[in-house]
Amino acid sequence: MYFDEKGRNMNKAALIADITPLPAGFSGSIKMAKAQSYIEGDVAILSYDFDEKETIFGQDMTARYHATDTWMRRNGEWQIVAGQVLRYYEDPAPGKADAAKFAEYVGTYELAPANTLTISTDGKLLYRQRGERPKELLIPEATDIFFRKGVEGRILFRHADNGKVDALIDRRNNEDVVWKKVK
């Protein structure tokens, strides 16, 4: 059983069929780090990170993953029986925002009665605060789209037909939680 970072569940035949050389113009390397193992009887668990470097027609890219492999000793030989790979989340590159638009976003947004969050600005930066929690910086990715450092997902500001912001959308994995602007 092999579970990859794309969410695919493959058996040995499917995994082997999925392994192909890099196309022309592509090159790369993978380095293992932070390996840990645990062995008990005829079962071994190997957990490790790996850092991938890929060059695509001269453009360098990187990715970080975590993998866990389960091995069993059968007939005196160690054989891998399961593996799972997860990709570490990385923040997107910050974009530029028009700070003059921040005033449109400022206000109180409600998810349900007594469940609100506040958007504020200091004129240069935009912040999100839910209840008594500390303010969190909203980092621009593109017009009307922001993210929080280290938090997967995006914050989008929705404009009604009249052009005014009427909702904040908390988007995670293509699913939206809509907060309606109330003030």
C-alpha atoms as a PDB file:
ATOM      1  CA  MET A   1       0.000   0.000   0.000  1.00  0.00           C
ATOM      2  CA  TYR A   2       1.408   3.372  -0.971  1.00  0.00           C
ATOM      3  CA  PHE A   3      -0.256   6.703  -0.292  1.00  0.00           C
ATOM      4  CA  ASP A   4       1.327   9.699  -2.010  1.00  0.00           C
ATOM      5  CA  GLU A   5       1.197  13.463  -1.466  1.00  0.00           C
ATOM      6  CA  LYS A   6      -1.518  13.765  -4.134  1.00  0.00           C
ATOM      7  CA  GLY A   7      -3.895  11.570  -2.131  1.00  0.00           C
ATOM      8  CA  ARG A   8      -3.540   8.533  -4.386  1.00  0.00           C
ATOM      9  CA  ASN A   9      -3.711   5.009  -2.948  1.00  0.00           C
ATOM     10  CA  MET A  10      -1.574   2.668  -5.047  1.00  0.00           C
ATOM     11  CA  ASN A  11      -0.589  -0.959  -4.903  1.00  0.00           C
ATOM     12  CA  LYS A  12       2.899  -2.113  -5.935  1.00  0.00           C
ATOM     13  CA  ALA A  13       2.022  -2.437  -9.629  1.00  0.00           C
ATOM     14  CA  ALA A  14       0.478   1.056  -9.769  1.00  0.00           C
ATOM     15  CA  LEU A  15       3.436   2.576  -7.908  1.00  0.00           C
ATOM     16  CA  ILE A  16       5.972   1.012 -10.267  1.00  0.00           C
ATOM     17  CA  ALA A  17       3.924   2.116 -13.299  1.00  0.00           C
ATOM     18  CA  ASP A  18       3.877   5.678 -11.921  1.00  0.00           C
ATOM     19  CA  ILE A  19       7.680   5.905 -11.808  1.00  0.00           C
ATOM     20  CA  THR A  20       8.926   7.591 -14.971  1.00  0.00           C
ATOM     21  CA  PRO A  21      12.046   9.564 -15.868  1.00  0.00           C
ATOM     22  CA  LEU A  22      11.964  13.348 -15.807  1.00  0.00           C
ATOM     23  CA  PRO A  23      11.093  14.900 -19.177  1.00  0.00           C
ATOM     24  CA  ALA A  24      13.666  16.728 -21.311  1.00  0.00           C
ATOM     25  CA  GLY A  25      14.577  20.090 -19.743  1.00  0.00           C
ATOM     26  CA  PHE A  26      13.904  18.838 -16.211  1.00  0.00           C
ATOM     27  CA  SER A  27      16.489  17.749 -13.624  1.00  0.00           C
ATOM     28  CA  GLY A  28      16.454  17.292  -9.900  1.00  0.00           C
ATOM     29  CA  SER A  29      17.630  15.704  -6.703  1.00  0.00           C
ATOM     30  CA  ILE A  30      16.127  14.441  -3.464  1.00  0.00           C
ATOM     31  CA  LYS A  31      17.972  14.413  -0.136  1.00  0.00           C
ATOM     32  CA  MET A  32      16.787  12.528   2.929  1.00  0.00           C
ATOM     33  CA  ALA A  33      16.949  14.203   6.354  1.00  0.00           C
ATOM     34  CA  LYS A  34      15.776  13.701   9.941  1.00  0.00           C
ATOM     35  CA  ALA A  35      15.449   9.928   9.620  1.00  0.00           C
ATOM     36  CA  GLN A  36      14.044   8.038  12.619  1.00  0.00           C
ATOM     37  CA  SER A  37      13.409   4.334  12.924  1.00  0.00           C
ATOM     38  CA  TYR A  38      11.738   1.927  15.270  1.00  0.00           C
ATOM     39  CA  ILE A  39      12.070  -1.850  15.065  1.00  0.00           C
ATOM     40  CA  GLU A  40      10.118  -4.408  17.016  1.00  0.00           C
ATOM     41  CA  GLY A  41      10.265  -8.039  16.092  1.00  0.00           C
ATOM     42  CA  ASP A  42       9.625  -8.427  12.387  1.00  0.00           C
ATOM     43  CA  VAL A  43       8.257  -4.907  11.870  1.00  0.00           C
ATOM     44  CA  ALA A  44      10.263  -1.733  11.213  1.00  0.00           C
ATOM     45  CA  ILE A  45       8.995   1.833  10.855  1.00  0.00           C
ATOM     46  CA  LEU A  46      11.120   4.423   9.052  1.00  0.00           C
ATOM     47  CA  SER A  47      10.074   8.060   9.208  1.00  0.00           C
ATOM     48  CA  TYR A  48      12.001  10.786   7.386  1.00  0.00           C
ATOM     49  CA  ASP A  49      11.880  14.128   5.596  1.00  0.00           C
ATOM     50  CA  PHE A  50      13.112  14.651   2.103  1.00  0.00           C
ATOM     51  CA  ASP A  51      13.988  17.850   0.338  1.00  0.00           C
ATOM     52  CA  GLU A  52      13.421  17.961  -3.392  1.00  0.00           C
ATOM     53  CA  LYS A  53      15.223  20.320  -5.750  1.00  0.00           C
ATOM     54  CA  GLU A  54      13.998  20.479  -9.313  1.00  0.00           C
ATOM     55  CA  THR A  55      15.175  22.563 -12.227  1.00  0.00           C
ATOM     56  CA  ILE A  56      12.688  23.133 -15.038  1.00  0.00           C
ATOM     57  CA  PHE A  57      14.300  24.705 -18.076  1.00  0.00           C
ATOM     58  CA  GLY A  58      16.686  26.688 -15.843  1.00  0.00           C
ATOM     59  CA  GLN A  59      14.109  27.657 -13.203  1.00  0.00           C
ATOM     60  CA  ASP A  60      14.817  26.280  -9.723  1.00  0.00           C
ATOM     61  CA  MET A  61      12.012  24.941  -7.520  1.00  0.00           C
ATOM     62  CA  THR A  62      11.961  23.238  -4.137  1.00  0.00           C
ATOM     63  CA  ALA A  63       9.530  21.131  -2.118  1.00  0.00           C
ATOM     64  CA  ARG A  64       9.645  19.446   1.297  1.00  0.00           C
ATOM     65  CA  TYR A  65       7.968  16.157   2.177  1.00  0.00           C
ATOM     66  CA  HIS A  66       7.584  13.800   5.110  1.00  0.00           C
ATOM     67  CA  ALA A  67       7.377  10.048   4.562  1.00  0.00           C
ATOM     68  CA  THR A  68       6.718   7.019   6.726  1.00  0.00           C
ATOM     69  CA  ASP A  69       7.503   3.509   5.502  1.00  0.00           C
ATOM     70  CA  THR A  70       6.527   0.243   7.164  1.00  0.00           C
ATOM     71  CA  TRP A  71       8.730  -2.793   6.604  1.00  0.00           C
ATOM     72  CA  MET A  72       8.181  -6.446   7.550  1.00  0.00           C
ATOM     73  CA  ARG A  73      10.673  -9.277   7.700  1.00  0.00           C
ATOM     74  CA  ARG A  74       9.321 -12.191   5.658  1.00  0.00           C
ATOM     75  CA  ASN A  75      11.299 -15.381   5.089  1.00  0.00           C
ATOM     76  CA  GLY A  76      14.409 -13.638   6.448  1.00  0.00           C
ATOM     77  CA  GLU A  77      14.158 -10.609   4.110  1.00  0.00           C
ATOM     78  CA  TRP A  78      12.975  -7.078   4.879  1.00  0.00           C
ATOM     79  CA  GLN A  79      10.193  -5.955   2.526  1.00  0.00           C
ATOM     80  CA  ILE A  80       8.355  -2.663   2.431  1.00  0.00           C
ATOM     81  CA  VAL A  81       4.614  -3.190   2.911  1.00  0.00           C
ATOM     82  CA  ALA A  82       3.276   0.364   3.227  1.00  0.00           C
ATOM     83  CA  GLY A  83       4.359   3.950   2.692  1.00  0.00           C
ATOM     84  CA  GLN A  84       2.785   7.349   3.056  1.00  0.00           C
ATOM     85  CA  VAL A  85       4.077  10.721   1.848  1.00  0.00           C
ATOM     86  CA  LEU A  86       2.815  14.156   2.902  1.00  0.00           C
ATOM     87  CA  ARG A  87       3.971  17.465   1.467  1.00  0.00           C
ATOM     88  CA  TYR A  88       4.810  20.200   3.954  1.00  0.00           C
ATOM     89  CA  TYR A  89       2.715  23.322   3.559  1.00  0.00           C
ATOM     90  CA  GLU A  90       4.575  26.390   2.323  1.00  0.00           C
ATOM     91  CA  ASP A  91       3.196  29.929   2.278  1.00  0.00           C
ATOM     92  CA  PRO A  92       2.783  31.450  -1.179  1.00  0.00           C
ATOM     93  CA  ALA A  93       4.977  34.330  -2.261  1.00  0.00           C
ATOM     94  CA  PRO A  94       3.549  37.607  -0.946  1.00  0.00           C
ATOM     95  CA  GLY A  95       2.061  39.886  -3.569  1.00  0.00           C
ATOM     96  CA  LYS A  96       1.384  43.573  -3.566  1.00  0.00           C
ATOM     97  CA  ALA A  97      -1.830  45.029  -2.222  1.00  0.00           C
ATOM     98  CA  ASP A  98      -3.414  48.397  -2.782  1.00  0.00           C
ATOM     99  CA  ALA A  99      -3.501  49.744   0.792  1.00  0.00           C
ATOM    100  CA  ALA A 100      -6.059  52.319  -0.349  1.00  0.00           C
ATOM    101  CA  LYS A 101      -8.557  49.425  -0.696  1.00  0.00           C
ATOM    102  CA  PHE A 102      -8.088  48.296   2.924  1.00  0.00           C
ATOM    103  CA  ALA A 103     -10.799  50.705   4.119  1.00  0.00           C
ATOM    104  CA  GLU A 104     -13.322  48.691   2.046  1.00  0.00           C
ATOM    105  CA  TYR A 105     -12.389  45.509   3.965  1.00  0.00           C
ATOM    106  CA  VAL A 106     -12.434  47.023   7.463  1.00  0.00           C
ATOM    107  CA  GLY A 107     -15.413  46.009   9.574  1.00  0.00           C
ATOM    108  CA  THR A 108     -17.087  43.245  11.518  1.00  0.00           C
ATOM    109  CA  TYR A 109     -17.985  39.964   9.862  1.00  0.00           C
ATOM    110  CA  GLU A 110     -20.401  37.433  11.329  1.00  0.00           C
ATOM    111  CA  LEU A 111     -20.421  33.658  10.895  1.00  0.00           C
ATOM    112  CA  ALA A 112     -23.320  33.148  13.317  1.00  0.00           C
ATOM    113  CA  PRO A 113     -24.828  35.244  16.130  1.00  0.00           C
ATOM    114  CA  ALA A 114     -22.079  36.076  18.662  1.00  0.00           C
ATOM    115  CA  ASN A 115     -19.428  34.536  16.380  1.00  0.00           C
ATOM    116  CA  THR A 116     -17.631  37.418  14.721  1.00  0.00           C
ATOM    117  CA  LEU A 117     -14.270  38.537  13.483  1.00  0.00           C
ATOM    118  CA  THR A 118     -12.940  42.004  12.893  1.00  0.00           C
ATOM    119  CA  ILE A 119     -10.826  43.272  10.024  1.00  0.00           C
ATOM    120  CA  SER A 120      -8.711  46.346  10.809  1.00  0.00           C
ATOM    121  CA  THR A 121      -5.866  48.309   9.259  1.00  0.00           C
ATOM    122  CA  ASP A 122      -3.112  50.640  10.369  1.00  0.00           C
ATOM    123  CA  GLY A 123      -3.117  52.198   6.894  1.00  0.00           C
ATOM    124  CA  LYS A 124      -0.267  50.015   5.632  1.00  0.00           C
ATOM    125  CA  LEU A 125      -1.165  46.496   6.802  1.00  0.00           C
ATOM    126  CA  LEU A 126      -4.395  44.519   7.171  1.00  0.00           C
ATOM    127  CA  TYR A 127      -5.308  42.448  10.245  1.00  0.00           C
ATOM    128  CA  ARG A 128      -7.844  39.804  11.211  1.00  0.00           C
ATOM    129  CA  GLN A 129      -8.977  39.306  14.821  1.00  0.00           C
ATOM    130  CA  ARG A 130     -11.430  36.715  16.034  1.00  0.00           C
ATOM    131  CA  GLY A 131     -12.923  37.418  19.453  1.00  0.00           C
ATOM    132  CA  GLU A 132     -10.283  38.034  22.116  1.00  0.00           C
ATOM    133  CA  ARG A 133      -7.539  36.258  20.185  1.00  0.00           C
ATOM    134  CA  PRO A 134      -4.499  38.277  19.107  1.00  0.00           C
ATOM    135  CA  LYS A 135      -4.606  40.119  15.792  1.00  0.00           C
ATOM    136  CA  GLU A 136      -3.208  38.207  12.831  1.00  0.00           C
ATOM    137  CA  LEU A 137      -1.532  39.871   9.883  1.00  0.00           C
ATOM    138  CA  LEU A 138      -3.229  39.255   6.539  1.00  0.00           C
ATOM    139  CA  ILE A 139      -0.532  38.962   3.873  1.00  0.00           C
ATOM    140  CA  PRO A 140      -1.585  39.923   0.343  1.00  0.00           C
ATOM    141  CA  GLU A 141      -1.304  37.329  -2.409  1.00  0.00           C
ATOM    142  CA  ALA A 142      -3.301  39.171  -5.085  1.00  0.00           C
ATOM    143  CA  THR A 143      -6.110  41.731  -5.279  1.00  0.00           C
ATOM    144  CA  ASP A 144      -8.759  40.861  -2.633  1.00  0.00           C
ATOM    145  CA  ILE A 145      -6.854  37.634  -1.720  1.00  0.00           C
ATOM    146  CA  PHE A 146      -4.812  37.259   1.478  1.00  0.00           C
ATOM    147  CA  PHE A 147      -3.245  34.493   3.572  1.00  0.00           C
ATOM    148  CA  ARG A 148      -2.009  34.080   7.142  1.00  0.00           C
ATOM    149  CA  LYS A 149       1.589  33.019   7.747  1.00  0.00           C
ATOM    150  CA  GLY A 150       1.797  29.263   8.277  1.00  0.00           C
ATOM    151  CA  VAL A 151      -1.949  28.717   7.836  1.00  0.00           C
ATOM    152  CA  GLU A 152      -3.171  26.803   4.811  1.00  0.00           C
ATOM    153  CA  GLY A 153      -6.024  28.522   2.994  1.00  0.00           C
ATOM    154  CA  ARG A 154      -6.909  31.971   1.761  1.00  0.00           C
ATOM    155  CA  ILE A 155      -8.977  34.943   2.907  1.00  0.00           C
ATOM    156  CA  LEU A 156     -10.981  36.532   0.084  1.00  0.00           C
ATOM    157  CA  PHE A 157     -13.142  39.626   0.158  1.00  0.00           C
ATOM    158  CA  ARG A 158     -16.339  39.298  -1.863  1.00  0.00           C
ATOM    159  CA  HIS A 159     -17.910  42.285  -3.584  1.00  0.00           C
ATOM    160  CA  ALA A 160     -21.689  42.532  -3.978  1.00  0.00           C
ATOM    161  CA  ASP A 161     -23.332  43.734  -7.210  1.00  0.00           C
ATOM    162  CA  ASN A 162     -23.097  47.298  -5.881  1.00  0.00           C
ATOM    163  CA  GLY A 163     -19.296  46.956  -5.689  1.00  0.00           C
ATOM    164  CA  LYS A 164     -19.120  47.062  -1.873  1.00  0.00           C
ATOM    165  CA  VAL A 165     -17.519  44.295   0.167  1.00  0.00           C
ATOM    166  CA  ASP A 166     -20.339  42.197   1.607  1.00  0.00           C
ATOM    167  CA  ALA A 167     -18.492  39.100   2.849  1.00  0.00           C
ATOM    168  CA  LEU A 168     -15.184  37.601   3.875  1.00  0.00           C
ATOM    169  CA  ILE A 169     -14.577  34.110   2.540  1.00  0.00           C
ATOM    170  CA  ASP A 170     -12.308  31.776   4.488  1.00  0.00           C
ATOM    171  CA  ARG A 171     -11.318  29.273   1.778  1.00  0.00           C
ATOM    172  CA  ARG A 172      -9.704  25.988   2.735  1.00  0.00           C
ATOM    173  CA  ASN A 173      -9.164  23.175   0.231  1.00  0.00           C
ATOM    174  CA  ASN A 174     -11.662  24.734  -2.182  1.00  0.00           C
ATOM    175  CA  GLU A 175     -14.364  24.881   0.474  1.00  0.00           C
ATOM    176  CA  ASP A 176     -15.661  28.234   1.620  1.00  0.00           C
ATOM    177  CA  VAL A 177     -16.776  29.450   5.017  1.00  0.00           C
ATOM    178  CA  VAL A 178     -18.628  32.708   4.385  1.00  0.00           C
ATOM    179  CA  TRP A 179     -18.597  35.486   6.979  1.00  0.00           C
ATOM    180  CA  LYS A 180     -21.172  38.195   6.204  1.00  0.00           C
ATOM    181  CA  LYS A 181     -20.159  41.791   6.744  1.00  0.00           C
ATOM    182  CA  VAL A 182     -22.417  43.314   9.406  1.00  0.00           C
ATOM    183  CA  LYS A 183     -20.653  46.619  10.204  1.00  0.00           C
END
